[in-house]
Amino acid sequence: MPRWADRAAQATLWLALPSGIWRILFALGLPAGFTGSQAPNDWFMLPYVIVLTTVSEAVAFLSMGLVRPWGEVWPRWVPFLRGRRIRPPAAIIPAALGSVALMLLWTQLAFSFGSDPDPEFPHGAKAVIFYACYLPLVAWGPLLAAVTVAYAIRRRRYG
């Protein structure tokens, strides 16, 4: 695996982290720039946000399978499949669809920077913090796409 692909896969883990931290702090009651109606006051907000952040990081972690041996052979702890080779389409198709979904989801954030007319939305320094935490997600989709292409090429060449 090329070194750049390994670094790109690792970067996806770090790109998802700031938004998760921001969400958790928001759910803990840090106003994060939102006023009144956006403030988290429901008891289920914190567990929901922790689960959402955990799932986001787990999905980001799956990109590591495209650059590690466990992305080519099922690990021993997986019943019925352990030790079998993973067919390349089983990794390439979900990763490619995921990268497209991430690009569709987060690219709109880059184009909406500073243009949200909602008075509830953070303004000033709090908006800068919000965007500093969420704009890294814009790179997640393209990086996943690049790592997926590298995986597909490598698996095609070397099996």
N, C-alpha and C. Protein backbone atom coordinates (compact mmCIF):
# COMPACT_ATOMS: atom_id res chain seq x y z
N MET A 1 0.85 -1.18 0.00
CA MET A 1 0.00 0.00 0.00
C MET A 1 0.90 1.24 0.00
N PRO A 2 0.58 2.19 -0.86
CA PRO A 2 1.38 3.42 -0.86
C PRO A 2 1.28 4.16 0.47
N ARG A 3 2.36 4.81 0.83
CA ARG A 3 2.40 5.54 2.10
C ARG A 3 1.31 6.61 2.16
N TRP A 4 1.07 7.29 1.03
CA TRP A 4 0.05 8.36 1.03
C TRP A 4 -1.33 7.79 1.34
N ALA A 5 -1.61 6.58 0.86
CA ALA A 5 -2.92 5.97 1.11
C ALA A 5 -3.08 5.63 2.59
N ASP A 6 -2.00 5.14 3.18
CA ASP A 6 -2.05 4.84 4.61
C ASP A 6 -2.29 6.12 5.41
N ARG A 7 -1.61 7.17 5.06
CA ARG A 7 -1.79 8.44 5.77
C ARG A 7 -3.19 9.02 5.52
N ALA A 8 -3.69 8.87 4.32
CA ALA A 8 -5.04 9.36 4.01
C ALA A 8 -6.08 8.59 4.82
N ALA A 9 -5.90 7.28 4.95
CA ALA A 9 -6.84 6.48 5.75
C ALA A 9 -6.78 6.89 7.21
N GLN A 10 -5.58 7.13 7.71
CA GLN A 10 -5.45 7.58 9.10
C GLN A 10 -6.06 8.96 9.29
N ALA A 11 -5.94 9.80 8.28
CA ALA A 11 -6.49 11.16 8.38
C ALA A 11 -8.01 11.13 8.55
N THR A 12 -8.67 10.14 7.96
CA THR A 12 -10.13 10.10 8.09
C THR A 12 -10.56 9.96 9.55
N LEU A 13 -9.74 9.27 10.34
CA LEU A 13 -10.05 9.15 11.77
C LEU A 13 -9.99 10.51 12.45
N TRP A 14 -8.99 11.29 12.10
CA TRP A 14 -8.80 12.60 12.72
C TRP A 14 -9.80 13.63 12.20
N LEU A 15 -10.25 13.47 10.96
CA LEU A 15 -11.20 14.43 10.39
C LEU A 15 -12.56 14.36 11.06
N ALA A 16 -12.94 13.18 11.49
CA ALA A 16 -14.26 13.00 12.11
C ALA A 16 -14.26 13.38 13.60
N LEU A 17 -13.10 13.48 14.19
CA LEU A 17 -13.01 13.70 15.63
C LEU A 17 -13.47 15.08 16.11
N PRO A 18 -13.05 16.19 15.48
CA PRO A 18 -13.45 17.50 16.01
C PRO A 18 -14.96 17.72 16.06
N SER A 19 -15.67 17.27 15.05
CA SER A 19 -17.13 17.44 15.06
C SER A 19 -17.77 16.60 16.17
N GLY A 20 -17.21 15.43 16.42
CA GLY A 20 -17.72 14.59 17.50
C GLY A 20 -17.51 15.24 18.86
N ILE A 21 -16.35 15.81 19.05
CA ILE A 21 -16.08 16.50 20.31
C ILE A 21 -17.02 17.69 20.46
N TRP A 22 -17.22 18.44 19.38
CA TRP A 22 -18.12 19.60 19.42
C TRP A 22 -19.53 19.16 19.79
N ARG A 23 -20.01 18.08 19.17
CA ARG A 23 -21.36 17.58 19.46
C ARG A 23 -21.50 17.17 20.93
N ILE A 24 -20.50 16.47 21.44
CA ILE A 24 -20.56 16.02 22.83
C ILE A 24 -20.57 17.20 23.78
N LEU A 25 -19.73 18.18 23.53
CA LEU A 25 -19.72 19.37 24.38
C LEU A 25 -21.06 20.11 24.30
N PHE A 26 -21.64 20.17 23.12
CA PHE A 26 -22.95 20.81 22.94
C PHE A 26 -24.02 20.05 23.74
N ALA A 27 -23.97 18.73 23.67
CA ALA A 27 -24.96 17.91 24.39
C ALA A 27 -24.77 18.01 25.91
N LEU A 28 -23.56 18.29 26.33
CA LEU A 28 -23.30 18.47 27.77
C LEU A 28 -23.80 19.81 28.28
N GLY A 29 -24.27 20.66 27.37
CA GLY A 29 -24.82 21.94 27.79
C GLY A 29 -24.01 23.14 27.41
N LEU A 30 -22.85 22.95 26.79
CA LEU A 30 -22.09 24.08 26.29
C LEU A 30 -22.91 24.72 25.18
N PRO A 31 -23.26 25.99 25.30
CA PRO A 31 -24.18 26.57 24.32
C PRO A 31 -23.65 26.55 22.88
N ALA A 32 -22.35 26.57 22.70
CA ALA A 32 -21.74 26.45 21.39
C ALA A 32 -22.27 27.47 20.39
N GLY A 33 -22.81 28.56 20.88
CA GLY A 33 -23.24 29.62 20.00
C GLY A 33 -24.69 29.58 19.62
N PHE A 34 -25.38 28.49 19.89
CA PHE A 34 -26.81 28.42 19.58
C PHE A 34 -27.58 29.10 20.70
N THR A 35 -28.70 29.68 20.34
CA THR A 35 -29.51 30.36 21.35
C THR A 35 -30.78 29.58 21.59
N GLY A 36 -31.38 29.82 22.71
CA GLY A 36 -32.70 29.33 23.08
C GLY A 36 -33.11 27.96 22.61
N SER A 37 -33.86 27.92 21.51
CA SER A 37 -34.52 26.68 21.10
C SER A 37 -33.55 25.59 20.67
N GLN A 38 -32.33 25.94 20.33
CA GLN A 38 -31.36 24.93 19.91
C GLN A 38 -30.58 24.34 21.09
N ALA A 39 -30.73 24.91 22.24
CA ALA A 39 -29.99 24.41 23.40
C ALA A 39 -30.46 23.00 23.75
N PRO A 40 -29.52 22.10 24.02
CA PRO A 40 -29.91 20.73 24.35
C PRO A 40 -30.51 20.65 25.74
N ASN A 41 -31.77 20.28 25.81
CA ASN A 41 -32.40 20.19 27.13
C ASN A 41 -33.12 18.86 27.32
N ASP A 42 -33.06 17.98 26.36
CA ASP A 42 -33.70 16.68 26.49
C ASP A 42 -32.71 15.70 27.11
N TRP A 43 -33.23 14.80 27.94
CA TRP A 43 -32.39 13.83 28.63
C TRP A 43 -31.68 12.88 27.68
N PHE A 44 -32.26 12.62 26.51
CA PHE A 44 -31.68 11.64 25.59
C PHE A 44 -30.62 12.24 24.67
N MET A 45 -30.42 13.55 24.73
CA MET A 45 -29.48 14.20 23.81
C MET A 45 -28.05 13.68 23.99
N LEU A 46 -27.56 13.60 25.22
CA LEU A 46 -26.19 13.15 25.45
C LEU A 46 -25.97 11.71 25.00
N PRO A 47 -26.83 10.74 25.38
CA PRO A 47 -26.60 9.38 24.88
C PRO A 47 -26.68 9.31 23.35
N TYR A 48 -27.62 10.04 22.76
CA TYR A 48 -27.76 10.05 21.30
C TYR A 48 -26.47 10.57 20.64
N VAL A 49 -25.95 11.67 21.15
CA VAL A 49 -24.76 12.28 20.56
C VAL A 49 -23.54 11.38 20.76
N ILE A 50 -23.44 10.73 21.90
CA ILE A 50 -22.32 9.82 22.13
C ILE A 50 -22.39 8.64 21.16
N VAL A 51 -23.58 8.09 20.96
CA VAL A 51 -23.74 7.00 19.99
C VAL A 51 -23.42 7.48 18.58
N LEU A 52 -23.92 8.65 18.20
CA LEU A 52 -23.65 9.22 16.87
C LEU A 52 -22.15 9.42 16.65
N THR A 53 -21.48 9.95 17.63
CA THR A 53 -20.04 10.18 17.53
C THR A 53 -19.28 8.86 17.45
N THR A 54 -19.69 7.89 18.25
CA THR A 54 -19.04 6.58 18.22
C THR A 54 -19.22 5.91 16.87
N VAL A 55 -20.42 5.98 16.33
CA VAL A 55 -20.68 5.38 15.02
C VAL A 55 -19.87 6.10 13.94
N SER A 56 -19.80 7.41 14.01
CA SER A 56 -19.01 8.17 13.03
C SER A 56 -17.55 7.76 13.06
N GLU A 57 -16.99 7.64 14.26
CA GLU A 57 -15.59 7.22 14.37
C GLU A 57 -15.39 5.78 13.92
N ALA A 58 -16.35 4.92 14.20
CA ALA A 58 -16.25 3.52 13.76
C ALA A 58 -16.28 3.43 12.25
N VAL A 59 -17.14 4.21 11.62
CA VAL A 59 -17.20 4.23 10.15
C VAL A 59 -15.89 4.79 9.59
N ALA A 60 -15.36 5.83 10.22
CA ALA A 60 -14.07 6.37 9.78
C ALA A 60 -12.97 5.32 9.94
N PHE A 61 -13.05 4.55 11.01
CA PHE A 61 -12.05 3.51 11.26
C PHE A 61 -12.08 2.43 10.18
N LEU A 62 -13.23 2.19 9.59
CA LEU A 62 -13.31 1.16 8.55
C LEU A 62 -12.41 1.47 7.35
N SER A 63 -12.10 2.73 7.13
CA SER A 63 -11.20 3.07 6.02
C SER A 63 -9.81 2.47 6.24
N MET A 64 -9.47 2.20 7.50
CA MET A 64 -8.18 1.58 7.78
C MET A 64 -8.12 0.16 7.21
N GLY A 65 -9.27 -0.48 7.06
CA GLY A 65 -9.30 -1.81 6.46
C GLY A 65 -8.85 -1.81 5.02
N LEU A 66 -8.90 -0.66 4.38
CA LEU A 66 -8.46 -0.56 2.98
C LEU A 66 -6.95 -0.50 2.85
N VAL A 67 -6.26 -0.28 3.97
CA VAL A 67 -4.79 -0.20 3.93
C VAL A 67 -4.12 -1.19 4.87
N ARG A 68 -4.91 -2.02 5.54
CA ARG A 68 -4.37 -3.00 6.48
C ARG A 68 -4.71 -4.42 6.03
N PRO A 69 -3.96 -5.40 6.51
CA PRO A 69 -4.23 -6.79 6.11
C PRO A 69 -5.64 -7.27 6.48
N TRP A 70 -6.23 -6.74 7.55
CA TRP A 70 -7.56 -7.20 7.93
C TRP A 70 -8.62 -6.73 6.93
N GLY A 71 -8.23 -5.94 5.95
CA GLY A 71 -9.14 -5.57 4.88
C GLY A 71 -9.07 -6.53 3.70
N GLU A 72 -8.20 -7.52 3.81
CA GLU A 72 -8.05 -8.50 2.74
C GLU A 72 -8.45 -9.91 3.17
N VAL A 73 -8.30 -10.20 4.44
CA VAL A 73 -8.64 -11.52 4.98
C VAL A 73 -9.48 -11.30 6.23
N TRP A 74 -10.57 -12.05 6.35
CA TRP A 74 -11.43 -11.91 7.52
C TRP A 74 -10.66 -12.26 8.78
N PRO A 75 -10.77 -11.46 9.82
CA PRO A 75 -10.06 -11.76 11.08
C PRO A 75 -10.56 -13.05 11.72
N ARG A 76 -9.76 -13.58 12.62
CA ARG A 76 -10.10 -14.86 13.28
C ARG A 76 -11.36 -14.78 14.12
N TRP A 77 -11.69 -13.62 14.63
CA TRP A 77 -12.83 -13.50 15.53
C TRP A 77 -14.17 -13.44 14.80
N VAL A 78 -14.17 -13.41 13.46
CA VAL A 78 -15.42 -13.37 12.71
C VAL A 78 -15.87 -14.80 12.44
N PRO A 79 -16.98 -15.22 13.03
CA PRO A 79 -17.42 -16.61 12.85
C PRO A 79 -17.76 -16.90 11.39
N PHE A 80 -17.51 -18.11 10.97
CA PHE A 80 -17.83 -18.65 9.65
C PHE A 80 -16.98 -18.07 8.52
N LEU A 81 -16.41 -16.90 8.69
CA LEU A 81 -15.64 -16.27 7.61
C LEU A 81 -14.15 -16.20 7.91
N ARG A 82 -13.78 -16.46 9.15
CA ARG A 82 -12.39 -16.30 9.58
C ARG A 82 -11.40 -16.96 8.62
N GLY A 83 -10.37 -16.18 8.29
CA GLY A 83 -9.31 -16.69 7.43
C GLY A 83 -9.62 -16.66 5.95
N ARG A 84 -10.83 -16.45 5.57
CA ARG A 84 -11.17 -16.39 4.14
C ARG A 84 -10.80 -15.02 3.58
N ARG A 85 -10.45 -15.01 2.29
CA ARG A 85 -10.14 -13.75 1.63
C ARG A 85 -11.42 -12.94 1.43
N ILE A 86 -11.29 -11.67 1.61
CA ILE A 86 -12.41 -10.76 1.35
C ILE A 86 -12.39 -10.44 -0.13
N ARG A 87 -13.51 -10.66 -0.78
CA ARG A 87 -13.59 -10.33 -2.20
C ARG A 87 -13.51 -8.81 -2.34
N PRO A 88 -12.69 -8.32 -3.26
CA PRO A 88 -12.52 -6.88 -3.40
C PRO A 88 -13.82 -6.08 -3.53
N PRO A 89 -14.82 -6.54 -4.31
CA PRO A 89 -16.04 -5.73 -4.38
C PRO A 89 -16.75 -5.57 -3.03
N ALA A 90 -16.55 -6.52 -2.11
CA ALA A 90 -17.19 -6.42 -0.80
C ALA A 90 -16.65 -5.23 0.00
N ALA A 91 -15.47 -4.77 -0.32
CA ALA A 91 -14.90 -3.59 0.33
C ALA A 91 -15.00 -2.37 -0.56
N ILE A 92 -14.81 -2.56 -1.85
CA ILE A 92 -14.76 -1.42 -2.78
C ILE A 92 -16.13 -0.76 -2.95
N ILE A 93 -17.17 -1.55 -3.12
CA ILE A 93 -18.50 -0.97 -3.37
C ILE A 93 -19.00 -0.17 -2.17
N PRO A 94 -18.98 -0.72 -0.95
CA PRO A 94 -19.43 0.11 0.19
C PRO A 94 -18.55 1.34 0.41
N ALA A 95 -17.24 1.20 0.22
CA ALA A 95 -16.35 2.35 0.41
C ALA A 95 -16.61 3.43 -0.64
N ALA A 96 -16.82 3.01 -1.88
CA ALA A 96 -17.10 3.99 -2.94
C ALA A 96 -18.44 4.69 -2.70
N LEU A 97 -19.46 3.92 -2.34
CA LEU A 97 -20.77 4.52 -2.04
C LEU A 97 -20.67 5.44 -0.82
N GLY A 98 -19.91 5.03 0.17
CA GLY A 98 -19.71 5.86 1.35
C GLY A 98 -19.01 7.16 1.03
N SER A 99 -18.01 7.10 0.16
CA SER A 99 -17.29 8.33 -0.19
C SER A 99 -18.20 9.29 -0.95
N VAL A 100 -19.04 8.76 -1.83
CA VAL A 100 -19.99 9.62 -2.55
C VAL A 100 -20.99 10.23 -1.57
N ALA A 101 -21.50 9.42 -0.65
CA ALA A 101 -22.46 9.93 0.33
C ALA A 101 -21.83 11.01 1.20
N LEU A 102 -20.59 10.80 1.62
CA LEU A 102 -19.91 11.81 2.44
C LEU A 102 -19.69 13.10 1.66
N MET A 103 -19.33 12.97 0.39
CA MET A 103 -19.13 14.18 -0.41
C MET A 103 -20.44 14.93 -0.60
N LEU A 104 -21.52 14.21 -0.85
CA LEU A 104 -22.82 14.87 -1.00
C LEU A 104 -23.26 15.52 0.32
N LEU A 105 -23.01 14.86 1.41
CA LEU A 105 -23.44 15.36 2.72
C LEU A 105 -22.64 16.58 3.16
N TRP A 106 -21.31 16.52 3.06
CA TRP A 106 -20.49 17.55 3.67
C TRP A 106 -20.04 18.65 2.73
N THR A 107 -20.09 18.45 1.43
CA THR A 107 -19.66 19.51 0.52
C THR A 107 -20.58 20.72 0.61
N GLN A 108 -21.85 20.49 0.86
CA GLN A 108 -22.77 21.62 1.01
C GLN A 108 -22.35 22.51 2.18
N LEU A 109 -21.70 21.95 3.18
CA LEU A 109 -21.24 22.75 4.31
C LEU A 109 -20.19 23.76 3.87
N ALA A 110 -19.29 23.34 2.99
CA ALA A 110 -18.25 24.25 2.52
C ALA A 110 -18.85 25.43 1.75
N PHE A 111 -19.90 25.18 1.00
CA PHE A 111 -20.51 26.25 0.21
C PHE A 111 -21.45 27.12 1.04
N SER A 112 -21.84 26.66 2.20
CA SER A 112 -22.75 27.44 3.02
C SER A 112 -22.02 28.22 4.11
N PHE A 113 -20.70 28.17 4.08
CA PHE A 113 -19.90 28.83 5.12
C PHE A 113 -20.28 30.30 5.24
N GLY A 114 -20.78 30.67 6.40
CA GLY A 114 -21.10 32.06 6.70
C GLY A 114 -22.37 32.58 6.05
N SER A 115 -23.12 31.73 5.38
CA SER A 115 -24.30 32.23 4.68
C SER A 115 -25.61 31.77 5.32
N ASP A 116 -25.54 31.21 6.50
CA ASP A 116 -26.76 30.70 7.14
C ASP A 116 -27.54 31.87 7.76
N PRO A 117 -28.75 32.14 7.23
CA PRO A 117 -29.52 33.26 7.76
C PRO A 117 -30.26 32.94 9.06
N ASP A 118 -30.19 31.72 9.53
CA ASP A 118 -30.89 31.32 10.75
C ASP A 118 -30.33 32.09 11.94
N PRO A 119 -31.17 32.85 12.65
CA PRO A 119 -30.67 33.61 13.80
C PRO A 119 -30.19 32.72 14.94
N GLU A 120 -30.62 31.45 14.95
CA GLU A 120 -30.19 30.51 15.99
C GLU A 120 -28.75 30.03 15.77
N PHE A 121 -28.28 30.15 14.54
CA PHE A 121 -26.97 29.63 14.18
C PHE A 121 -25.87 30.45 14.84
N PRO A 122 -24.75 29.81 15.21
CA PRO A 122 -23.65 30.56 15.84
C PRO A 122 -23.13 31.67 14.93
N HIS A 123 -22.74 32.76 15.55
CA HIS A 123 -22.17 33.89 14.83
C HIS A 123 -20.84 34.27 15.46
N GLY A 124 -20.04 34.98 14.73
CA GLY A 124 -18.77 35.47 15.25
C GLY A 124 -17.79 34.36 15.56
N ALA A 125 -17.14 34.48 16.71
CA ALA A 125 -16.11 33.51 17.10
C ALA A 125 -16.69 32.11 17.27
N LYS A 126 -17.94 32.04 17.74
CA LYS A 126 -18.55 30.72 17.93
C LYS A 126 -18.81 30.05 16.59
N ALA A 127 -19.12 30.83 15.56
CA ALA A 127 -19.28 30.26 14.22
C ALA A 127 -17.95 29.76 13.69
N VAL A 128 -16.89 30.47 13.99
CA VAL A 128 -15.56 30.04 13.55
C VAL A 128 -15.21 28.70 14.21
N ILE A 129 -15.52 28.57 15.49
CA ILE A 129 -15.27 27.30 16.18
C ILE A 129 -16.11 26.18 15.57
N PHE A 130 -17.39 26.47 15.31
CA PHE A 130 -18.27 25.47 14.71
C PHE A 130 -17.71 25.00 13.37
N TYR A 131 -17.36 25.94 12.49
CA TYR A 131 -16.85 25.56 11.18
C TYR A 131 -15.48 24.92 11.26
N ALA A 132 -14.66 25.32 12.22
CA ALA A 132 -13.35 24.67 12.39
C ALA A 132 -13.52 23.20 12.77
N CYS A 133 -14.60 22.90 13.46
CA CYS A 133 -14.87 21.51 13.86
C CYS A 133 -15.54 20.71 12.74
N TYR A 134 -16.34 21.36 11.91
CA TYR A 134 -17.11 20.63 10.90
C TYR A 134 -16.51 20.67 9.50
N LEU A 135 -15.76 21.70 9.14
CA LEU A 135 -15.19 21.75 7.79
C LEU A 135 -14.22 20.61 7.47
N PRO A 136 -13.48 20.06 8.44
CA PRO A 136 -12.63 18.92 8.09
C PRO A 136 -13.41 17.74 7.49
N LEU A 137 -14.70 17.64 7.80
CA LEU A 137 -15.51 16.55 7.26
C LEU A 137 -15.64 16.63 5.74
N VAL A 138 -15.42 17.82 5.18
CA VAL A 138 -15.48 17.98 3.72
C VAL A 138 -14.41 17.12 3.04
N ALA A 139 -13.27 16.94 3.69
CA ALA A 139 -12.18 16.16 3.11
C ALA A 139 -12.36 14.66 3.29
N TRP A 140 -13.26 14.23 4.15
CA TRP A 140 -13.44 12.80 4.43
C TRP A 140 -13.81 12.02 3.18
N GLY A 141 -14.80 12.48 2.44
CA GLY A 141 -15.25 11.77 1.23
C GLY A 141 -14.16 11.63 0.18
N PRO A 142 -13.50 12.73 -0.22
CA PRO A 142 -12.43 12.61 -1.21
C PRO A 142 -11.27 11.73 -0.76
N LEU A 143 -10.91 11.81 0.52
CA LEU A 143 -9.83 10.95 1.00
C LEU A 143 -10.24 9.48 0.97
N LEU A 144 -11.46 9.20 1.36
CA LEU A 144 -11.96 7.82 1.30
C LEU A 144 -11.99 7.33 -0.15
N ALA A 145 -12.38 8.20 -1.07
CA ALA A 145 -12.40 7.82 -2.49
C ALA A 145 -10.99 7.48 -2.98
N ALA A 146 -10.02 8.30 -2.61
CA ALA A 146 -8.64 8.05 -3.03
C ALA A 146 -8.11 6.75 -2.45
N VAL A 147 -8.39 6.50 -1.19
CA VAL A 147 -7.94 5.25 -0.54
C VAL A 147 -8.64 4.05 -1.17
N THR A 148 -9.90 4.22 -1.54
CA THR A 148 -10.65 3.13 -2.18
C THR A 148 -10.05 2.80 -3.54
N VAL A 149 -9.69 3.81 -4.31
CA VAL A 149 -9.06 3.58 -5.61
C VAL A 149 -7.72 2.87 -5.43
N ALA A 150 -6.93 3.31 -4.45
CA ALA A 150 -5.64 2.66 -4.20
C ALA A 150 -5.84 1.19 -3.81
N TYR A 151 -6.85 0.92 -3.00
CA TYR A 151 -7.17 -0.46 -2.60
C TYR A 151 -7.57 -1.28 -3.82
N ALA A 152 -8.42 -0.71 -4.67
CA ALA A 152 -8.89 -1.43 -5.86
C ALA A 152 -7.72 -1.75 -6.79
N ILE A 153 -6.84 -0.80 -6.99
CA ILE A 153 -5.68 -1.04 -7.86
C ILE A 153 -4.77 -2.10 -7.26
N ARG A 154 -4.50 -1.99 -5.98
CA ARG A 154 -3.63 -2.96 -5.32
C ARG A 154 -4.23 -4.36 -5.36
N ARG A 155 -5.50 -4.48 -5.08
CA ARG A 155 -6.13 -5.80 -5.08
C ARG A 155 -6.21 -6.37 -6.49
N ARG A 156 -6.35 -5.52 -7.49
CA ARG A 156 -6.40 -6.00 -8.87
C ARG A 156 -5.04 -6.51 -9.30
N ARG A 157 -3.98 -5.80 -8.90
CA ARG A 157 -2.63 -6.19 -9.29
C ARG A 157 -2.14 -7.42 -8.54
N TYR A 158 -2.39 -7.42 -7.22
CA TYR A 158 -1.76 -8.44 -6.38
C TYR A 158 -2.75 -9.44 -5.79
N GLY A 159 -4.00 -9.32 -6.13
CA GLY A 159 -5.00 -10.26 -5.63
C GLY A 159 -5.47 -9.88 -4.33
